[in-house]
Amino acid sequence: MDSSVQTDLEEQSTSNLSRQALSFFLHSLLALGSWMALMLLGYAINPSGVPQLVILLLSAAVPLVFGFLVARIYPAEMATLVWLLGIIWFLIVCLWVLNMPTGPNQCLQCEATEKLTRTFFSLPGPSGLIDNDGPFIGTWPAVALVGYSMGAKLGFRRTK
């Protein structure tokens, strides 16, 4: 193979990889931006007594609809892969929580499973770790990224 042809192929693959990385980053920002808009709207309205399950479902539904609309307008296969970032984020926060020390009012003598369920889902009650912001820091953003990815997959499928 000619060296100039090989150089052209390398440049094309590098350019394609850069485009994919930029697309992944932008779709991740769109997913988290739609979730943050939901959170800001919630804080502006400040409804009292909304169950965490409702917020969890909205954290999935709003980015899902947004991802569907974005994929219908601008179909990009990388939009369907942002769920990976959500899973990685959730796992990183899980490791952080598991390494936290426990004490009075902070999941005293909790085992690993109880530490995670009480921190991220407040079941049976909040753990006290991360100032009881486990769903806001770990669960809801991860669910938003997964929801966006599902919506993008549905929107992308219909454009083909």
N, C-alpha and C. Protein backbone atom coordinates (compact mmCIF):
# COMPACT_ATOMS: atom_id res chain seq x y z
N MET A 1 0.85 -1.18 0.00
CA MET A 1 0.00 0.00 0.00
C MET A 1 0.89 1.24 0.00
N ASP A 2 0.50 2.22 -0.75
CA ASP A 2 1.21 3.48 -0.87
C ASP A 2 1.16 4.22 0.47
N SER A 3 2.26 4.87 0.84
CA SER A 3 2.31 5.57 2.13
C SER A 3 1.35 6.75 2.18
N SER A 4 1.09 7.41 1.06
CA SER A 4 0.15 8.54 1.04
C SER A 4 -1.28 8.04 1.25
N VAL A 5 -1.62 6.88 0.72
CA VAL A 5 -2.95 6.30 0.93
C VAL A 5 -3.12 5.92 2.40
N GLN A 6 -2.09 5.34 2.97
CA GLN A 6 -2.13 4.95 4.38
C GLN A 6 -2.28 6.19 5.27
N THR A 7 -1.59 7.26 4.96
CA THR A 7 -1.70 8.51 5.71
C THR A 7 -3.10 9.08 5.62
N ASP A 8 -3.69 9.04 4.41
CA ASP A 8 -5.06 9.53 4.23
C ASP A 8 -6.04 8.71 5.06
N LEU A 9 -5.87 7.40 5.08
CA LEU A 9 -6.75 6.54 5.87
C LEU A 9 -6.62 6.83 7.37
N GLU A 10 -5.40 7.06 7.82
CA GLU A 10 -5.19 7.37 9.23
C GLU A 10 -5.84 8.71 9.59
N GLU A 11 -5.72 9.70 8.72
CA GLU A 11 -6.33 11.00 8.97
C GLU A 11 -7.85 10.90 8.99
N GLN A 12 -8.42 10.10 8.10
CA GLN A 12 -9.87 9.91 8.07
C GLN A 12 -10.36 9.23 9.35
N SER A 13 -9.63 8.21 9.81
CA SER A 13 -10.06 7.51 11.02
C SER A 13 -9.91 8.40 12.25
N THR A 14 -8.87 9.24 12.28
CA THR A 14 -8.69 10.17 13.38
C THR A 14 -9.79 11.23 13.36
N SER A 15 -10.13 11.71 12.19
CA SER A 15 -11.20 12.70 12.06
C SER A 15 -12.53 12.09 12.47
N ASN A 16 -12.80 10.85 12.05
CA ASN A 16 -14.04 10.17 12.40
C ASN A 16 -14.12 9.95 13.92
N LEU A 17 -13.03 9.56 14.52
CA LEU A 17 -12.99 9.34 15.97
C LEU A 17 -13.22 10.65 16.72
N SER A 18 -12.65 11.72 16.25
CA SER A 18 -12.86 13.03 16.87
C SER A 18 -14.32 13.46 16.77
N ARG A 19 -14.92 13.23 15.62
CA ARG A 19 -16.33 13.56 15.42
C ARG A 19 -17.22 12.74 16.36
N GLN A 20 -16.91 11.46 16.51
CA GLN A 20 -17.69 10.60 17.40
C GLN A 20 -17.55 11.04 18.85
N ALA A 21 -16.35 11.38 19.26
CA ALA A 21 -16.13 11.83 20.64
C ALA A 21 -16.86 13.13 20.91
N LEU A 22 -16.82 14.05 19.97
CA LEU A 22 -17.52 15.31 20.13
C LEU A 22 -19.03 15.09 20.18
N SER A 23 -19.54 14.22 19.32
CA SER A 23 -20.96 13.90 19.32
C SER A 23 -21.38 13.27 20.64
N PHE A 24 -20.59 12.34 21.16
CA PHE A 24 -20.89 11.71 22.44
C PHE A 24 -20.92 12.74 23.56
N PHE A 25 -19.94 13.63 23.57
CA PHE A 25 -19.86 14.67 24.60
C PHE A 25 -21.06 15.61 24.52
N LEU A 26 -21.41 16.04 23.32
CA LEU A 26 -22.53 16.96 23.16
C LEU A 26 -23.87 16.30 23.55
N HIS A 27 -24.06 15.06 23.17
CA HIS A 27 -25.29 14.37 23.55
C HIS A 27 -25.35 14.13 25.06
N SER A 28 -24.21 13.88 25.66
CA SER A 28 -24.18 13.75 27.12
C SER A 28 -24.57 15.06 27.78
N LEU A 29 -24.06 16.17 27.25
CA LEU A 29 -24.43 17.48 27.78
C LEU A 29 -25.91 17.77 27.58
N LEU A 30 -26.45 17.39 26.43
CA LEU A 30 -27.88 17.59 26.19
C LEU A 30 -28.72 16.77 27.16
N ALA A 31 -28.32 15.54 27.41
CA ALA A 31 -29.06 14.69 28.35
C ALA A 31 -29.03 15.27 29.74
N LEU A 32 -27.85 15.66 30.21
CA LEU A 32 -27.74 16.23 31.55
C LEU A 32 -28.38 17.61 31.62
N GLY A 33 -28.34 18.36 30.52
CA GLY A 33 -28.99 19.67 30.49
C GLY A 33 -30.50 19.55 30.59
N SER A 34 -31.09 18.56 29.92
CA SER A 34 -32.54 18.38 30.03
C SER A 34 -32.92 17.96 31.44
N TRP A 35 -32.09 17.14 32.07
CA TRP A 35 -32.35 16.74 33.46
C TRP A 35 -32.20 17.94 34.40
N MET A 36 -31.16 18.75 34.18
CA MET A 36 -30.97 19.93 35.03
C MET A 36 -32.12 20.92 34.87
N ALA A 37 -32.65 21.06 33.66
CA ALA A 37 -33.81 21.92 33.45
C ALA A 37 -34.99 21.40 34.27
N LEU A 38 -35.17 20.10 34.30
CA LEU A 38 -36.23 19.51 35.13
C LEU A 38 -36.00 19.83 36.60
N MET A 39 -34.77 19.69 37.06
CA MET A 39 -34.46 19.97 38.46
C MET A 39 -34.67 21.45 38.79
N LEU A 40 -34.24 22.33 37.90
CA LEU A 40 -34.43 23.77 38.13
C LEU A 40 -35.92 24.13 38.15
N LEU A 41 -36.68 23.53 37.27
CA LEU A 41 -38.13 23.75 37.27
C LEU A 41 -38.74 23.26 38.58
N GLY A 42 -38.28 22.11 39.03
CA GLY A 42 -38.77 21.58 40.30
C GLY A 42 -38.43 22.48 41.47
N TYR A 43 -37.22 23.04 41.49
CA TYR A 43 -36.84 23.94 42.57
C TYR A 43 -37.56 25.28 42.46
N ALA A 44 -37.87 25.71 41.25
CA ALA A 44 -38.61 26.97 41.07
C ALA A 44 -40.06 26.83 41.55
N ILE A 45 -40.67 25.70 41.18
CA ILE A 45 -42.05 25.45 41.61
C ILE A 45 -42.09 25.06 43.09
N ASN A 46 -41.09 24.30 43.51
CA ASN A 46 -40.93 23.84 44.90
C ASN A 46 -42.17 23.12 45.41
N PRO A 47 -42.59 22.05 44.72
CA PRO A 47 -43.72 21.29 45.23
C PRO A 47 -43.32 20.51 46.48
N SER A 48 -44.17 20.48 47.45
CA SER A 48 -43.82 19.79 48.69
C SER A 48 -44.37 18.36 48.65
N GLY A 49 -43.62 17.46 49.19
CA GLY A 49 -44.07 16.09 49.33
C GLY A 49 -44.08 15.26 48.06
N VAL A 50 -43.25 15.60 47.09
CA VAL A 50 -43.17 14.78 45.88
C VAL A 50 -42.33 13.55 46.20
N PRO A 51 -42.87 12.36 45.99
CA PRO A 51 -42.10 11.15 46.29
C PRO A 51 -40.88 11.02 45.37
N GLN A 52 -39.84 10.39 45.90
CA GLN A 52 -38.62 10.21 45.11
C GLN A 52 -38.85 9.34 43.89
N LEU A 53 -39.81 8.44 43.96
CA LEU A 53 -40.11 7.60 42.81
C LEU A 53 -40.63 8.43 41.64
N VAL A 54 -41.42 9.44 41.92
CA VAL A 54 -41.93 10.33 40.87
C VAL A 54 -40.77 11.10 40.24
N ILE A 55 -39.87 11.58 41.07
CA ILE A 55 -38.70 12.31 40.55
C ILE A 55 -37.83 11.37 39.73
N LEU A 56 -37.68 10.14 40.17
CA LEU A 56 -36.91 9.15 39.42
C LEU A 56 -37.53 8.91 38.05
N LEU A 57 -38.85 8.75 38.01
CA LEU A 57 -39.53 8.52 36.73
C LEU A 57 -39.43 9.75 35.82
N LEU A 58 -39.57 10.94 36.39
CA LEU A 58 -39.42 12.15 35.59
C LEU A 58 -37.99 12.33 35.10
N SER A 59 -37.02 11.91 35.91
CA SER A 59 -35.61 12.00 35.52
C SER A 59 -35.31 11.09 34.34
N ALA A 60 -36.11 10.07 34.16
CA ALA A 60 -35.95 9.21 32.98
C ALA A 60 -36.81 9.71 31.82
N ALA A 61 -38.04 10.14 32.11
CA ALA A 61 -39.00 10.47 31.06
C ALA A 61 -38.64 11.75 30.30
N VAL A 62 -38.25 12.79 31.02
CA VAL A 62 -37.95 14.07 30.36
C VAL A 62 -36.75 13.94 29.41
N PRO A 63 -35.62 13.37 29.85
CA PRO A 63 -34.53 13.17 28.89
C PRO A 63 -34.89 12.18 27.78
N LEU A 64 -35.74 11.19 28.07
CA LEU A 64 -36.17 10.25 27.03
C LEU A 64 -36.88 10.98 25.91
N VAL A 65 -37.82 11.84 26.26
CA VAL A 65 -38.55 12.61 25.25
C VAL A 65 -37.60 13.55 24.52
N PHE A 66 -36.73 14.20 25.27
CA PHE A 66 -35.77 15.13 24.66
C PHE A 66 -34.83 14.39 23.71
N GLY A 67 -34.34 13.23 24.14
CA GLY A 67 -33.46 12.42 23.29
C GLY A 67 -34.17 11.95 22.03
N PHE A 68 -35.45 11.60 22.16
CA PHE A 68 -36.24 11.20 21.00
C PHE A 68 -36.33 12.34 20.00
N LEU A 69 -36.65 13.55 20.51
CA LEU A 69 -36.79 14.71 19.63
C LEU A 69 -35.47 15.08 18.96
N VAL A 70 -34.39 15.04 19.71
CA VAL A 70 -33.07 15.37 19.15
C VAL A 70 -32.70 14.35 18.08
N ALA A 71 -32.96 13.07 18.34
CA ALA A 71 -32.61 12.04 17.37
C ALA A 71 -33.47 12.13 16.11
N ARG A 72 -34.68 12.62 16.23
CA ARG A 72 -35.52 12.80 15.05
C ARG A 72 -35.00 13.96 14.19
N ILE A 73 -34.51 15.00 14.84
CA ILE A 73 -34.01 16.17 14.11
C ILE A 73 -32.59 15.93 13.61
N TYR A 74 -31.74 15.42 14.49
CA TYR A 74 -30.33 15.22 14.16
C TYR A 74 -29.93 13.79 14.54
N PRO A 75 -30.18 12.83 13.66
CA PRO A 75 -29.87 11.44 14.00
C PRO A 75 -28.36 11.21 14.08
N ALA A 76 -27.92 10.79 15.25
CA ALA A 76 -26.51 10.47 15.46
C ALA A 76 -26.44 9.20 16.30
N GLU A 77 -25.70 8.25 15.81
CA GLU A 77 -25.64 6.97 16.50
C GLU A 77 -24.98 7.09 17.87
N MET A 78 -24.13 8.06 18.07
CA MET A 78 -23.48 8.23 19.37
C MET A 78 -24.47 8.62 20.46
N ALA A 79 -25.60 9.20 20.09
CA ALA A 79 -26.61 9.58 21.07
C ALA A 79 -27.18 8.36 21.77
N THR A 80 -27.16 7.22 21.10
CA THR A 80 -27.70 6.01 21.69
C THR A 80 -26.74 5.36 22.67
N LEU A 81 -25.54 5.89 22.79
CA LEU A 81 -24.52 5.28 23.65
C LEU A 81 -24.23 6.05 24.93
N VAL A 82 -24.94 7.13 25.18
CA VAL A 82 -24.64 7.92 26.38
C VAL A 82 -25.04 7.19 27.66
N TRP A 83 -25.80 6.11 27.55
CA TRP A 83 -26.14 5.33 28.74
C TRP A 83 -24.88 4.79 29.40
N LEU A 84 -23.83 4.56 28.61
CA LEU A 84 -22.58 4.08 29.18
C LEU A 84 -22.01 5.07 30.19
N LEU A 85 -22.10 6.35 29.88
CA LEU A 85 -21.63 7.38 30.80
C LEU A 85 -22.45 7.35 32.09
N GLY A 86 -23.76 7.12 31.97
CA GLY A 86 -24.61 7.03 33.15
C GLY A 86 -24.22 5.88 34.05
N ILE A 87 -23.95 4.74 33.46
CA ILE A 87 -23.55 3.57 34.25
C ILE A 87 -22.19 3.80 34.90
N ILE A 88 -21.26 4.36 34.15
CA ILE A 88 -19.93 4.63 34.71
C ILE A 88 -20.03 5.64 35.84
N TRP A 89 -20.83 6.70 35.66
CA TRP A 89 -21.01 7.69 36.71
C TRP A 89 -21.60 7.04 37.97
N PHE A 90 -22.64 6.22 37.80
CA PHE A 90 -23.27 5.58 38.94
C PHE A 90 -22.28 4.67 39.67
N LEU A 91 -21.47 3.93 38.93
CA LEU A 91 -20.48 3.05 39.55
C LEU A 91 -19.41 3.84 40.31
N ILE A 92 -18.98 4.96 39.77
CA ILE A 92 -17.99 5.79 40.46
C ILE A 92 -18.56 6.31 41.77
N VAL A 93 -19.79 6.79 41.74
CA VAL A 93 -20.40 7.31 42.97
C VAL A 93 -20.65 6.16 43.96
N CYS A 94 -20.99 4.98 43.46
CA CYS A 94 -21.16 3.82 44.35
C CYS A 94 -19.85 3.50 45.08
N LEU A 95 -18.74 3.51 44.36
CA LEU A 95 -17.45 3.25 44.99
C LEU A 95 -17.13 4.32 46.04
N TRP A 96 -17.45 5.55 45.73
CA TRP A 96 -17.22 6.64 46.67
C TRP A 96 -18.04 6.43 47.94
N VAL A 97 -19.29 6.06 47.79
CA VAL A 97 -20.17 5.84 48.95
C VAL A 97 -19.70 4.64 49.76
N LEU A 98 -19.30 3.58 49.08
CA LEU A 98 -18.85 2.38 49.80
C LEU A 98 -17.59 2.64 50.62
N ASN A 99 -16.76 3.57 50.18
CA ASN A 99 -15.53 3.89 50.92
C ASN A 99 -15.75 4.91 52.03
N MET A 100 -16.96 5.45 52.16
CA MET A 100 -17.23 6.44 53.21
C MET A 100 -17.34 5.77 54.57
N PRO A 101 -16.80 6.43 55.58
CA PRO A 101 -16.97 5.88 56.93
C PRO A 101 -18.40 6.12 57.43
N THR A 102 -18.85 5.22 58.27
CA THR A 102 -20.18 5.37 58.86
C THR A 102 -20.04 5.82 60.30
N GLY A 103 -21.13 6.35 60.82
CA GLY A 103 -21.14 6.81 62.20
C GLY A 103 -22.55 7.12 62.62
N PRO A 104 -22.73 7.75 63.76
CA PRO A 104 -24.08 8.12 64.19
C PRO A 104 -24.74 9.03 63.15
N ASN A 105 -25.98 8.75 62.81
CA ASN A 105 -26.76 9.46 61.79
C ASN A 105 -26.17 9.33 60.39
N GLN A 106 -25.26 8.40 60.22
CA GLN A 106 -24.67 8.17 58.90
C GLN A 106 -24.54 6.68 58.65
N CYS A 107 -25.68 6.01 58.60
CA CYS A 107 -25.75 4.59 58.26
C CYS A 107 -24.83 3.75 59.16
N LEU A 108 -24.96 3.94 60.46
CA LEU A 108 -24.12 3.25 61.43
C LEU A 108 -24.27 1.74 61.28
N GLN A 109 -23.17 1.04 61.12
CA GLN A 109 -23.09 -0.41 61.01
C GLN A 109 -23.87 -0.96 59.81
N CYS A 110 -23.96 -0.21 58.74
CA CYS A 110 -24.61 -0.69 57.52
C CYS A 110 -23.66 -1.60 56.76
N GLU A 111 -24.23 -2.61 56.13
CA GLU A 111 -23.45 -3.42 55.20
C GLU A 111 -23.46 -2.72 53.85
N ALA A 112 -22.69 -3.24 52.91
CA ALA A 112 -22.53 -2.57 51.61
C ALA A 112 -23.86 -2.40 50.88
N THR A 113 -24.67 -3.43 50.83
CA THR A 113 -25.93 -3.34 50.10
C THR A 113 -26.85 -2.32 50.74
N GLU A 114 -26.94 -2.35 52.06
CA GLU A 114 -27.80 -1.40 52.76
C GLU A 114 -27.28 0.03 52.60
N LYS A 115 -25.99 0.18 52.61
CA LYS A 115 -25.38 1.50 52.41
C LYS A 115 -25.80 2.09 51.06
N LEU A 116 -25.76 1.26 50.02
CA LEU A 116 -26.10 1.73 48.68
C LEU A 116 -27.61 1.98 48.53
N THR A 117 -28.43 1.06 48.98
CA THR A 117 -29.89 1.25 48.82
C THR A 117 -30.40 2.42 49.64
N ARG A 118 -29.85 2.61 50.82
CA ARG A 118 -30.30 3.74 51.63
C ARG A 118 -29.78 5.06 51.10
N THR A 119 -28.59 5.05 50.50
CA THR A 119 -28.03 6.29 49.97
C THR A 119 -28.69 6.70 48.66
N PHE A 120 -28.85 5.75 47.74
CA PHE A 120 -29.33 6.10 46.39
C PHE A 120 -30.85 6.03 46.23
N PHE A 121 -31.51 5.26 47.06
CA PHE A 121 -32.96 5.09 46.91
C PHE A 121 -33.74 5.38 48.18
N SER A 122 -33.04 5.73 49.27
CA SER A 122 -33.65 6.04 50.56
C SER A 122 -34.57 4.93 51.04
N LEU A 123 -34.19 3.68 50.80
CA LEU A 123 -34.98 2.53 51.24
C LEU A 123 -34.24 1.80 52.34
N PRO A 124 -34.77 1.59 53.49
CA PRO A 124 -36.07 2.00 54.02
C PRO A 124 -36.10 3.46 54.46
N GLY A 125 -34.93 4.06 54.60
CA GLY A 125 -34.83 5.48 54.94
C GLY A 125 -33.48 5.98 54.48
N PRO A 126 -33.29 7.30 54.44
CA PRO A 126 -32.01 7.85 53.99
C PRO A 126 -30.85 7.40 54.88
N SER A 127 -29.68 7.31 54.30
CA SER A 127 -28.51 6.82 55.03
C SER A 127 -27.81 7.91 55.82
N GLY A 128 -27.99 9.16 55.44
CA GLY A 128 -27.25 10.24 56.07
C GLY A 128 -25.92 10.52 55.38
N LEU A 129 -25.52 9.64 54.48
CA LEU A 129 -24.28 9.85 53.74
C LEU A 129 -24.52 10.84 52.61
N ILE A 130 -23.51 11.56 52.22
CA ILE A 130 -23.56 12.59 51.18
C ILE A 130 -24.69 13.59 51.49
N ASP A 131 -24.91 13.86 52.74
CA ASP A 131 -25.96 14.79 53.18
C ASP A 131 -27.33 14.42 52.60
N ASN A 132 -27.59 13.12 52.48
CA ASN A 132 -28.84 12.59 51.93
C ASN A 132 -29.10 13.05 50.49
N ASP A 133 -28.06 13.41 49.76
CA ASP A 133 -28.19 13.83 48.37
C ASP A 133 -27.79 12.71 47.39
N GLY A 134 -27.82 11.47 47.83
CA GLY A 134 -27.45 10.35 46.98
C GLY A 134 -28.25 10.26 45.69
N PRO A 135 -29.61 10.40 45.77
CA PRO A 135 -30.36 10.36 44.51
C PRO A 135 -29.98 11.49 43.56
N PHE A 136 -29.78 12.69 44.10
CA PHE A 136 -29.46 13.84 43.26
C PHE A 136 -28.07 13.72 42.64
N ILE A 137 -27.13 13.17 43.39
CA ILE A 137 -25.75 13.08 42.90
C ILE A 137 -25.52 11.84 42.04
N GLY A 138 -26.12 10.72 42.42
CA GLY A 138 -25.81 9.47 41.73
C GLY A 138 -26.92 8.88 40.90
N THR A 139 -28.11 8.77 41.46
CA THR A 139 -29.17 8.02 40.80
C THR A 139 -29.81 8.78 39.65
N TRP A 140 -30.30 9.97 39.91
CA TRP A 140 -31.07 10.70 38.92
C TRP A 140 -30.27 11.09 37.68
N PRO A 141 -29.01 11.55 37.80
CA PRO A 141 -28.25 11.84 36.57
C PRO A 141 -27.99 10.58 35.73
N ALA A 142 -27.71 9.47 36.42
CA ALA A 142 -27.48 8.22 35.68
C ALA A 142 -28.74 7.78 34.95
N VAL A 143 -29.88 7.89 35.62
CA VAL A 143 -31.15 7.53 35.00
C VAL A 143 -31.46 8.47 33.83
N ALA A 144 -31.10 9.74 33.96
CA ALA A 144 -31.33 10.70 32.88
C ALA A 144 -30.52 10.32 31.64
N LEU A 145 -29.28 9.93 31.83
CA LEU A 145 -28.45 9.53 30.70
C LEU A 145 -28.98 8.26 30.03
N VAL A 146 -29.45 7.32 30.84
CA VAL A 146 -30.03 6.09 30.28
C VAL A 146 -31.33 6.43 29.54
N GLY A 147 -32.16 7.29 30.13
CA GLY A 147 -33.41 7.68 29.48
C GLY A 147 -33.17 8.39 28.16
N TYR A 148 -32.20 9.30 28.13
CA TYR A 148 -31.87 10.01 26.89
C TYR A 148 -31.44 9.01 25.82
N SER A 149 -30.62 8.08 26.20
CA SER A 149 -30.13 7.08 25.27
C SER A 149 -31.28 6.23 24.71
N MET A 150 -32.22 5.86 25.57
CA MET A 150 -33.39 5.09 25.11
C MET A 150 -34.24 5.91 24.14
N GLY A 151 -34.45 7.18 24.47
CA GLY A 151 -35.22 8.05 23.58
C GLY A 151 -34.53 8.25 22.25
N ALA A 152 -33.21 8.42 22.29
CA ALA A 152 -32.45 8.57 21.05
C ALA A 152 -32.51 7.30 20.20
N LYS A 153 -32.48 6.16 20.86
CA LYS A 153 -32.57 4.89 20.13
C LYS A 153 -33.93 4.78 19.44
N LEU A 154 -34.99 5.15 20.15
CA LEU A 154 -36.33 5.11 19.55
C LEU A 154 -36.45 6.11 18.39
N GLY A 155 -35.94 7.31 18.57
CA GLY A 155 -35.97 8.32 17.51
C GLY A 155 -35.09 7.97 16.35
N PHE A 156 -33.94 7.39 16.62
CA PHE A 156 -32.99 7.02 15.58
C PHE A 156 -33.54 5.87 14.75
N ARG A 157 -34.24 4.95 15.38
CA ARG A 157 -34.80 3.79 14.69
C ARG A 157 -35.87 4.22 13.69
N ARG A 158 -36.64 5.23 14.03
CA ARG A 158 -37.72 5.67 13.14
C ARG A 158 -37.21 6.46 11.94
N THR A 159 -36.01 7.01 12.04
CA THR A 159 -35.49 7.78 10.91
C THR A 159 -34.85 6.87 9.86
N LYS A 160 -34.52 5.65 10.22
CA LYS A 160 -33.88 4.74 9.26
C LYS A 160 -34.88 4.18 8.30
